[in-house]
Amino acid sequence: MTYSKKITLNIFALAVTAFFVSAANAQIAVVGETVWTMTGAPISNGIVLMNNGKITAVGPAASVSIPAGYRVINAKVVTPGLIDAHTVIGLNGYLNQPHDQMALDGGGSFQPELRAIDAYNAEERLIEWVREFGVTTIHTGHQPSALVSGQTMIAKTAGKNVDQATIVPTAMIAATIGQAASAGAGRSPGSRAKMAAMLRAELIKALENSKKTEQPRDPRASTMIRVIKGEIPMLITAERSQDIMTAIRIAKEFNIKIILDGAADAHMVLDEIKASGFPVIVHATMARPGGDRENLSMENASKLKAAGIPFALQSGYEGYVPKTRVILFEAGVAAANGLSQRDALASITIDAARILGIDNRVGSLAVGKDADIAMYNGDPFEYTTHCIGTIINGQVVSEVKR
């Protein structure tokens, strides 16, 4: 490990330690009429105990005793903290003004060196907004509006600064194949063939650099070397079936890891996606159909599930105010369009955690995992239900009835 990497890891370790120390005295018992652990069947009349930022016990009230001195919080339904598998909040803000729109740099079509953590605003109002609906973890970063727009990161929706919030500083490299990546007005890339050619050229360059005894240290080259070595995946937004196939073809050519994003036409190429083995972070259920999404289907998630393809739901990127959707509502609509209640909930908890590679910490209610919990006064997918509380790392971060 290089000295600079050690410094970076130490900074994040100190920040995370500070966050957990602040939760050291938070001893909480959450009691729910229904507790969805996502490790098995839901528990009726269940209890979740947490201490020092971690879950210490989960089970029926008959088998879990609440120790003296614990704060008790009651809810109709308790779930793991929700996970938004792809968003741009924290980089793009709710004001929709130039100073808070930092998810795209127009200076070039290929910029994998742009780090999401350098643009992330932990106190952006949209983060607080989604947290009040039970969202505790987000995969966020540069938006799908260029061939390669930059990096993504994974963060908790709590913390006063980026160091406190960050779980994974560099999660994926955000790429796009399709209309959104076309620079237009005679600029490059102006066609799908040029997008694929440019991406191949950069991957070839990275492959050659990876074989050098002394590898380049400039940010762009070193980032792409990590991609070609399989250390970090590319998140490739591809809506149309031909773009999905191009993404799969390039990934196979260079033996790189990818996650398909958006995939409005996924229901048209299910066999091909399944054969590829790549997971899908599917478009927001209620996204607007049009352009590359003209074949969008609200049943995409249920069709991916039926085909046995790993997937998660996202709020995605919105080019208009209020700049984000709420992942809870997207899952609710997916549940009304073919997904079971459990599968819809899994798509924004444990299944999302697995695709993001953070299921050892979040996504389910199990002993030893982060104490991230969402609480509701009814079925989370019912229109009249409210989120009545959110807990992150064992700390109550919201008690707003949202």
Protein backbone atom coordinates (compact mmCIF):
# COMPACT_ATOMS: atom_id res chain seq x y z
CA MET A 1 0.00 0.00 0.00
CA THR A 2 1.38 3.43 -0.96
CA TYR A 3 1.95 6.18 1.59
CA SER A 4 -0.79 8.35 0.02
CA LYS A 5 -3.29 5.48 0.21
CA LYS A 6 -2.41 4.93 3.88
CA ILE A 7 -2.99 8.63 4.60
CA THR A 8 -6.37 8.55 2.82
CA LEU A 9 -7.51 5.42 4.65
CA ASN A 10 -6.38 6.83 8.00
CA ILE A 11 -8.38 10.02 7.43
CA PHE A 12 -11.54 8.05 6.69
CA ALA A 13 -10.90 5.70 9.62
CA LEU A 14 -10.59 8.65 12.01
CA ALA A 15 -13.75 10.25 10.66
CA VAL A 16 -15.76 7.05 10.93
CA THR A 17 -14.39 6.40 14.42
CA ALA A 18 -15.47 9.87 15.50
CA PHE A 19 -18.96 9.25 14.16
CA PHE A 20 -19.26 5.98 16.03
CA VAL A 21 -17.86 7.44 19.24
CA SER A 22 -20.64 10.02 19.14
CA ALA A 23 -23.08 7.12 19.15
CA ALA A 24 -21.34 5.27 21.97
CA ASN A 25 -24.02 6.01 24.55
CA ALA A 26 -26.97 5.45 22.18
CA GLN A 27 -28.69 2.40 23.63
CA ILE A 28 -31.97 1.97 21.79
CA ALA A 29 -34.66 -0.70 21.52
CA VAL A 30 -36.94 -0.47 18.50
CA VAL A 31 -40.19 -2.40 18.91
CA GLY A 32 -42.20 -3.15 15.80
CA GLU A 33 -45.50 -4.89 15.17
CA THR A 34 -43.76 -6.17 12.04
CA VAL A 35 -39.98 -6.25 11.68
CA TRP A 36 -38.55 -6.93 8.23
CA THR A 37 -35.03 -8.20 8.90
CA MET A 38 -34.45 -9.23 5.24
CA THR A 39 -32.66 -12.32 6.54
CA GLY A 40 -35.83 -14.42 6.62
CA ALA A 41 -39.54 -14.09 7.22
CA PRO A 42 -40.73 -10.86 8.88
CA ILE A 43 -41.01 -11.03 12.66
CA SER A 44 -44.32 -10.25 14.34
CA ASN A 45 -43.98 -8.24 17.53
CA GLY A 46 -40.22 -7.96 17.10
CA ILE A 47 -37.45 -6.09 18.87
CA VAL A 48 -34.18 -4.68 17.56
CA LEU A 49 -31.55 -3.72 20.14
CA MET A 50 -28.60 -1.48 19.32
CA ASN A 51 -25.60 -0.24 21.20
CA ASN A 52 -22.42 1.58 20.14
CA GLY A 53 -23.76 2.03 16.61
CA LYS A 54 -24.30 -1.68 15.98
CA ILE A 55 -27.22 -4.08 16.18
CA THR A 56 -26.81 -6.33 19.21
CA ALA A 57 -30.01 -8.41 19.11
CA VAL A 58 -32.97 -9.05 16.81
CA GLY A 59 -35.93 -11.31 17.41
CA PRO A 60 -39.47 -11.77 18.75
CA ALA A 61 -40.35 -9.99 21.97
CA ALA A 62 -40.68 -13.40 23.60
CA SER A 63 -36.96 -14.05 23.12
CA VAL A 64 -35.37 -10.57 23.30
CA SER A 65 -35.38 -8.68 26.58
CA ILE A 66 -34.95 -4.92 26.66
CA PRO A 67 -32.19 -4.00 29.13
CA ALA A 68 -32.76 -1.31 31.72
CA GLY A 69 -31.87 2.17 30.60
CA TYR A 70 -32.57 1.63 26.90
CA ARG A 71 -34.69 4.16 25.04
CA VAL A 72 -37.71 2.38 23.56
CA ILE A 73 -39.16 3.46 20.19
CA ASN A 74 -42.37 1.90 18.89
CA ALA A 75 -43.43 1.54 15.26
CA LYS A 76 -45.94 -0.40 13.22
CA VAL A 77 -43.35 -1.54 10.68
CA VAL A 78 -39.58 -1.63 11.04
CA THR A 79 -37.20 -2.17 8.11
CA PRO A 80 -33.47 -1.89 7.49
CA GLY A 81 -32.42 1.60 6.47
CA LEU A 82 -33.24 2.07 2.80
CA ILE A 83 -30.50 2.12 0.17
CA ASP A 84 -30.70 4.22 -2.98
CA ALA A 85 -28.53 2.28 -5.44
CA HIS A 86 -27.92 5.25 -7.76
CA THR A 87 -28.54 8.95 -7.32
CA VAL A 88 -26.70 12.24 -7.78
CA ILE A 89 -27.76 14.03 -4.59
CA GLY A 90 -24.93 15.54 -2.62
CA LEU A 91 -23.38 16.69 -5.89
CA ASN A 92 -26.55 18.17 -7.39
CA GLY A 93 -28.67 20.22 -5.02
CA TYR A 94 -32.29 21.24 -4.70
CA LEU A 95 -31.82 24.87 -5.67
CA ASN A 96 -31.09 23.93 -9.30
CA GLN A 97 -28.59 26.80 -9.54
CA PRO A 98 -25.06 26.62 -10.98
CA HIS A 99 -23.39 26.71 -7.58
CA ASP A 100 -25.11 23.49 -6.42
CA GLN A 101 -25.05 21.54 -9.70
CA MET A 102 -21.71 19.75 -9.50
CA ALA A 103 -22.45 16.31 -10.98
CA LEU A 104 -21.23 17.15 -14.48
CA ASP A 105 -18.21 19.00 -15.79
CA GLY A 106 -18.71 20.16 -19.37
CA GLY A 107 -14.99 20.38 -20.08
CA GLY A 108 -14.68 16.94 -21.64
CA SER A 109 -16.46 13.76 -22.58
CA PHE A 110 -14.02 11.44 -20.76
CA GLN A 111 -13.08 12.39 -17.19
CA PRO A 112 -12.80 9.29 -14.93
CA GLU A 113 -10.44 11.17 -12.61
CA LEU A 114 -13.18 13.43 -11.24
CA ARG A 115 -13.83 12.31 -7.67
CA ALA A 116 -17.30 12.43 -6.21
CA ILE A 117 -15.94 12.97 -2.70
CA ASP A 118 -14.39 16.26 -3.82
CA ALA A 119 -17.81 17.62 -4.79
CA TYR A 120 -20.06 16.00 -2.17
CA ASN A 121 -21.99 18.32 0.15
CA ALA A 122 -23.02 16.32 3.22
CA GLU A 123 -25.38 19.09 4.34
CA GLU A 124 -27.32 19.37 1.08
CA ARG A 125 -31.03 19.67 1.86
CA LEU A 126 -31.95 16.81 -0.49
CA ILE A 127 -29.93 14.41 1.66
CA GLU A 128 -31.90 15.46 4.71
CA TRP A 129 -35.11 15.14 2.69
CA VAL A 130 -34.60 11.52 1.61
CA ARG A 131 -33.31 10.62 5.09
CA GLU A 132 -36.69 11.61 6.49
CA PHE A 133 -38.26 8.86 4.35
CA GLY A 134 -35.94 6.21 5.78
CA VAL A 135 -33.07 6.38 3.27
CA THR A 136 -29.84 5.79 5.17
CA THR A 137 -27.34 4.92 2.43
CA ILE A 138 -26.84 6.36 -1.05
CA HIS A 139 -24.66 5.47 -4.01
CA THR A 140 -24.11 8.87 -5.56
CA GLY A 141 -21.77 10.67 -7.91
CA HIS A 142 -21.35 12.14 -11.36
CA GLN A 143 -24.43 12.08 -13.52
CA PRO A 144 -24.99 10.01 -16.70
CA SER A 145 -24.59 12.89 -19.15
CA ALA A 146 -21.17 12.19 -20.69
CA LEU A 147 -19.27 9.19 -22.01
CA VAL A 148 -17.41 9.02 -18.69
CA SER A 149 -18.48 11.76 -16.30
CA GLY A 150 -16.48 10.82 -13.20
CA GLN A 151 -16.53 8.65 -10.11
CA THR A 152 -19.25 7.59 -7.71
CA MET A 153 -19.15 7.10 -3.95
CA ILE A 154 -21.21 5.39 -1.26
CA ALA A 155 -22.26 7.41 1.77
CA LYS A 156 -24.54 7.42 4.76
CA THR A 157 -27.16 10.17 4.78
CA ALA A 158 -25.77 11.46 8.08
CA GLY A 159 -22.60 13.24 9.04
CA LYS A 160 -21.61 16.90 8.97
CA ASN A 161 -18.95 16.47 6.28
CA VAL A 162 -17.89 14.10 3.55
CA ASP A 163 -15.39 12.24 5.74
CA GLN A 164 -18.05 11.40 8.31
CA ALA A 165 -20.56 10.32 5.68
CA THR A 166 -18.40 8.26 3.34
CA ILE A 167 -18.45 4.46 3.32
CA VAL A 168 -16.66 3.89 -0.01
CA PRO A 169 -14.79 6.91 -1.45
CA THR A 170 -14.48 5.50 -4.97
CA ALA A 171 -17.22 2.99 -5.73
CA MET A 172 -17.55 2.97 -9.54
CA ILE A 173 -16.72 4.91 -12.68
CA ALA A 174 -19.86 6.44 -14.21
CA ALA A 175 -20.13 5.89 -17.98
CA THR A 176 -22.97 6.37 -20.45
CA ILE A 177 -23.68 4.87 -23.85
CA GLY A 178 -26.59 6.50 -25.62
CA GLN A 179 -28.22 9.81 -26.35
CA ALA A 180 -27.23 11.38 -23.03
CA ALA A 181 -23.52 10.90 -23.83
CA SER A 182 -23.71 12.62 -27.23
CA ALA A 183 -21.98 15.99 -27.07
CA GLY A 184 -23.90 17.19 -30.12
CA ALA A 185 -23.32 20.27 -32.28
CA GLY A 186 -20.54 18.50 -34.17
CA ARG A 187 -18.57 17.72 -31.03
CA SER A 188 -17.27 14.27 -30.10
CA PRO A 189 -18.74 11.80 -29.40
CA GLY A 190 -21.66 12.47 -31.67
CA SER A 191 -22.66 8.90 -32.40
CA ARG A 192 -22.97 5.54 -30.66
CA ALA A 193 -20.14 4.09 -32.74
CA LYS A 194 -17.83 6.92 -31.68
CA MET A 195 -18.77 6.38 -28.02
CA ALA A 196 -17.82 2.71 -28.24
CA ALA A 197 -14.62 3.50 -30.15
CA MET A 198 -13.54 6.11 -27.60
CA LEU A 199 -14.25 3.80 -24.68
CA ARG A 200 -12.32 0.97 -26.33
CA ALA A 201 -9.38 3.27 -27.02
CA GLU A 202 -9.17 4.30 -23.36
CA LEU A 203 -9.42 0.69 -22.18
CA ILE A 204 -6.67 -0.36 -24.59
CA LYS A 205 -4.49 2.45 -23.27
CA ALA A 206 -5.21 1.35 -19.69
CA LEU A 207 -4.38 -2.26 -20.54
CA GLU A 208 -1.03 -1.18 -22.00
CA ASN A 209 -0.29 1.04 -19.00
CA SER A 210 -1.12 -1.79 -16.58
CA LYS A 211 1.68 -3.88 -18.08
CA LYS A 212 4.37 -1.23 -17.64
CA THR A 213 6.99 -1.71 -14.95
CA GLU A 214 6.49 1.88 -13.85
CA GLN A 215 2.82 2.68 -14.19
CA PRO A 216 1.56 6.23 -14.82
CA ARG A 217 0.56 8.15 -11.73
CA ASP A 218 -1.64 10.82 -13.27
CA PRO A 219 -5.22 10.56 -11.98
CA ARG A 220 -6.87 9.62 -15.27
CA ALA A 221 -4.44 6.86 -16.16
CA SER A 222 -4.27 5.40 -12.65
CA THR A 223 -8.08 5.35 -12.41
CA MET A 224 -8.45 3.48 -15.69
CA ILE A 225 -5.74 1.02 -14.65
CA ARG A 226 -7.88 0.16 -11.64
CA VAL A 227 -10.80 -0.47 -13.99
CA ILE A 228 -8.80 -2.72 -16.31
CA LYS A 229 -7.48 -4.66 -13.30
CA GLY A 230 -11.01 -5.25 -12.06
CA GLU A 231 -10.47 -3.29 -8.85
CA ILE A 232 -13.43 -1.00 -9.47
CA PRO A 233 -16.40 -1.55 -11.81
CA MET A 234 -17.84 0.73 -14.43
CA LEU A 235 -21.43 1.80 -13.92
CA ILE A 236 -22.64 1.94 -17.51
CA THR A 237 -25.90 3.74 -18.11
CA ALA A 238 -27.42 2.14 -21.20
CA GLU A 239 -31.15 2.45 -21.82
CA ARG A 240 -31.69 1.06 -25.32
CA SER A 241 -31.25 -2.62 -26.09
CA GLN A 242 -28.41 -1.97 -28.57
CA ASP A 243 -26.58 0.11 -25.96
CA ILE A 244 -27.03 -2.59 -23.34
CA MET A 245 -25.53 -5.09 -25.78
CA THR A 246 -22.62 -2.73 -26.56
CA ALA A 247 -21.87 -2.37 -22.84
CA ILE A 248 -21.88 -6.14 -22.36
CA ARG A 249 -19.74 -6.69 -25.46
CA ILE A 250 -17.06 -4.19 -24.36
CA ALA A 251 -17.01 -5.58 -20.83
CA LYS A 252 -16.43 -9.08 -22.19
CA GLU A 253 -13.72 -7.90 -24.60
CA PHE A 254 -11.66 -6.35 -21.82
CA ASN A 255 -12.74 -8.64 -18.97
CA ILE A 256 -13.79 -5.70 -16.83
CA LYS A 257 -16.49 -5.53 -14.19
CA ILE A 258 -19.59 -3.53 -15.05
CA ILE A 259 -22.99 -2.86 -13.58
CA LEU A 260 -25.75 -2.01 -16.03
CA ASP A 261 -27.60 1.14 -15.11
CA GLY A 262 -30.98 2.41 -16.24
CA ALA A 263 -31.62 -0.39 -18.74
CA ALA A 264 -35.08 0.75 -19.87
CA ASP A 265 -35.02 -1.94 -22.57
CA ALA A 266 -33.90 -4.69 -20.18
CA HIS A 267 -37.19 -6.53 -20.68
CA MET A 268 -36.24 -6.89 -24.38
CA VAL A 269 -32.83 -8.53 -23.76
CA LEU A 270 -33.36 -10.49 -20.55
CA ASP A 271 -31.62 -13.63 -21.81
CA GLU A 272 -28.56 -11.68 -22.89
CA ILE A 273 -28.29 -9.82 -19.59
CA LYS A 274 -28.65 -13.01 -17.61
CA ALA A 275 -26.00 -14.77 -19.70
CA SER A 276 -23.61 -11.88 -19.09
CA GLY A 277 -23.82 -12.29 -15.32
CA PHE A 278 -23.88 -8.53 -14.80
CA PRO A 279 -26.34 -7.02 -12.29
CA VAL A 280 -28.70 -4.15 -13.09
CA ILE A 281 -29.48 -0.96 -11.21
CA VAL A 282 -32.77 -0.47 -12.99
CA HIS A 283 -34.32 2.89 -13.84
CA ALA A 284 -36.61 4.65 -11.42
CA THR A 285 -40.00 3.01 -11.87
CA MET A 286 -41.76 6.30 -12.50
CA ALA A 287 -39.10 7.81 -14.75
CA ARG A 288 -40.41 9.67 -17.78
CA PRO A 289 -40.58 7.52 -20.91
CA GLY A 290 -39.11 9.26 -23.93
CA GLY A 291 -35.92 9.42 -25.96
CA ASP A 292 -33.76 6.43 -25.09
CA ARG A 293 -36.40 5.46 -22.50
CA GLU A 294 -39.29 5.27 -24.96
CA ASN A 295 -39.67 1.53 -24.23
CA LEU A 296 -39.57 2.00 -20.46
CA SER A 297 -41.79 -0.34 -18.48
CA MET A 298 -42.99 -0.18 -14.90
CA GLU A 299 -42.70 -3.97 -14.94
CA ASN A 300 -38.98 -3.98 -15.67
CA ALA A 301 -38.07 -4.79 -12.07
CA SER A 302 -40.52 -7.71 -11.84
CA LYS A 303 -39.29 -9.08 -15.18
CA LEU A 304 -35.68 -8.93 -14.04
CA LYS A 305 -36.67 -10.73 -10.85
CA ALA A 306 -38.56 -13.42 -12.76
CA ALA A 307 -35.52 -13.94 -15.00
CA GLY A 308 -33.24 -14.41 -11.99
CA ILE A 309 -31.13 -11.32 -12.72
CA PRO A 310 -29.72 -9.49 -9.67
CA PHE A 311 -31.08 -5.95 -9.57
CA ALA A 312 -31.71 -2.95 -7.38
CA LEU A 313 -33.87 0.13 -7.79
CA GLN A 314 -32.64 3.71 -7.99
CA SER A 315 -33.94 7.24 -7.81
CA GLY A 316 -31.61 8.12 -10.67
CA TYR A 317 -30.73 11.46 -12.19
CA GLU A 318 -33.30 14.19 -12.72
CA GLY A 319 -32.56 17.23 -14.84
CA TYR A 320 -35.31 19.29 -13.24
CA VAL A 321 -36.34 20.34 -9.74
CA PRO A 322 -36.60 18.91 -7.14
CA LYS A 323 -33.63 16.99 -8.60
CA THR A 324 -34.38 13.66 -7.00
CA ARG A 325 -37.03 11.03 -6.56
CA VAL A 326 -37.68 9.12 -3.34
CA ILE A 327 -36.59 5.50 -3.66
CA LEU A 328 -39.31 4.33 -1.26
CA PHE A 329 -42.01 5.49 -3.68
CA GLU A 330 -40.25 3.90 -6.67
CA ALA A 331 -40.24 0.55 -4.85
CA GLY A 332 -43.89 0.98 -3.93
CA VAL A 333 -44.85 1.40 -7.58
CA ALA A 334 -42.68 -1.59 -8.52
CA ALA A 335 -44.62 -3.59 -5.91
CA ALA A 336 -47.83 -2.58 -7.69
CA ASN A 337 -46.38 -3.77 -11.00
CA GLY A 338 -45.41 -7.38 -10.44
CA LEU A 339 -42.91 -7.42 -7.59
CA SER A 340 -43.88 -8.99 -4.29
CA GLN A 341 -43.74 -6.78 -1.21
CA ARG A 342 -40.63 -8.56 0.02
CA ASP A 343 -38.84 -8.37 -3.34
CA ALA A 344 -39.66 -4.67 -3.66
CA LEU A 345 -38.27 -4.04 -0.18
CA ALA A 346 -35.21 -6.19 -0.96
CA SER A 347 -34.50 -4.07 -4.05
CA ILE A 348 -33.91 -1.06 -1.80
CA THR A 349 -32.24 -2.88 1.10
CA ILE A 350 -30.33 -6.17 0.97
CA ASP A 351 -30.24 -6.64 -2.82
CA ALA A 352 -28.98 -3.10 -3.29
CA ALA A 353 -26.36 -3.69 -0.59
CA ARG A 354 -25.13 -6.84 -2.34
CA ILE A 355 -24.76 -5.13 -5.71
CA LEU A 356 -22.89 -2.26 -4.08
CA GLY A 357 -20.69 -4.68 -2.13
CA ILE A 358 -21.63 -3.34 1.31
CA ASP A 359 -23.96 -6.11 2.53
CA ASN A 360 -21.51 -6.95 5.32
CA ARG A 361 -22.52 -3.67 6.94
CA VAL A 362 -26.00 -2.67 5.79
CA GLY A 363 -29.12 -3.91 4.01
CA SER A 364 -30.51 -6.21 6.70
CA LEU A 365 -31.16 -6.27 10.42
CA ALA A 366 -28.64 -8.70 11.87
CA VAL A 367 -26.35 -8.78 14.88
CA GLY A 368 -23.09 -6.96 14.20
CA LYS A 369 -24.37 -4.86 11.33
CA ASP A 370 -24.65 -1.08 11.37
CA ALA A 371 -27.70 0.05 13.31
CA ASP A 372 -29.44 1.65 10.32
CA ILE A 373 -33.22 1.45 10.70
CA ALA A 374 -36.34 2.96 9.13
CA MET A 375 -39.65 3.05 11.04
CA TYR A 376 -43.15 3.49 9.65
CA ASN A 377 -46.69 3.84 11.00
CA GLY A 378 -48.04 1.34 8.46
CA ASP A 379 -47.10 -0.58 5.32
CA PRO A 380 -44.16 1.40 3.86
CA PHE A 381 -45.61 1.04 0.36
CA GLU A 382 -49.06 2.39 1.23
CA TYR A 383 -49.72 5.96 0.11
CA THR A 384 -51.08 7.03 3.50
CA THR A 385 -48.15 5.63 5.49
CA HIS A 386 -45.55 7.94 7.03
CA CYS A 387 -41.94 7.36 7.97
CA ILE A 388 -41.86 8.26 11.66
CA GLY A 389 -38.16 7.84 12.38
CA THR A 390 -34.75 7.04 10.96
CA ILE A 391 -31.70 5.70 12.78
CA ILE A 392 -28.19 5.71 11.34
CA ASN A 393 -25.23 4.11 13.12
CA GLY A 394 -27.37 3.80 16.23
CA GLN A 395 -28.25 7.49 16.31
CA VAL A 396 -31.76 8.84 15.83
CA VAL A 397 -31.27 11.26 12.92
CA SER A 398 -34.92 11.97 12.11
CA GLU A 399 -38.18 11.88 14.02
CA VAL A 400 -40.11 13.92 11.48
CA LYS A 401 -43.42 12.40 10.38
CA ARG A 402 -42.82 12.33 6.65
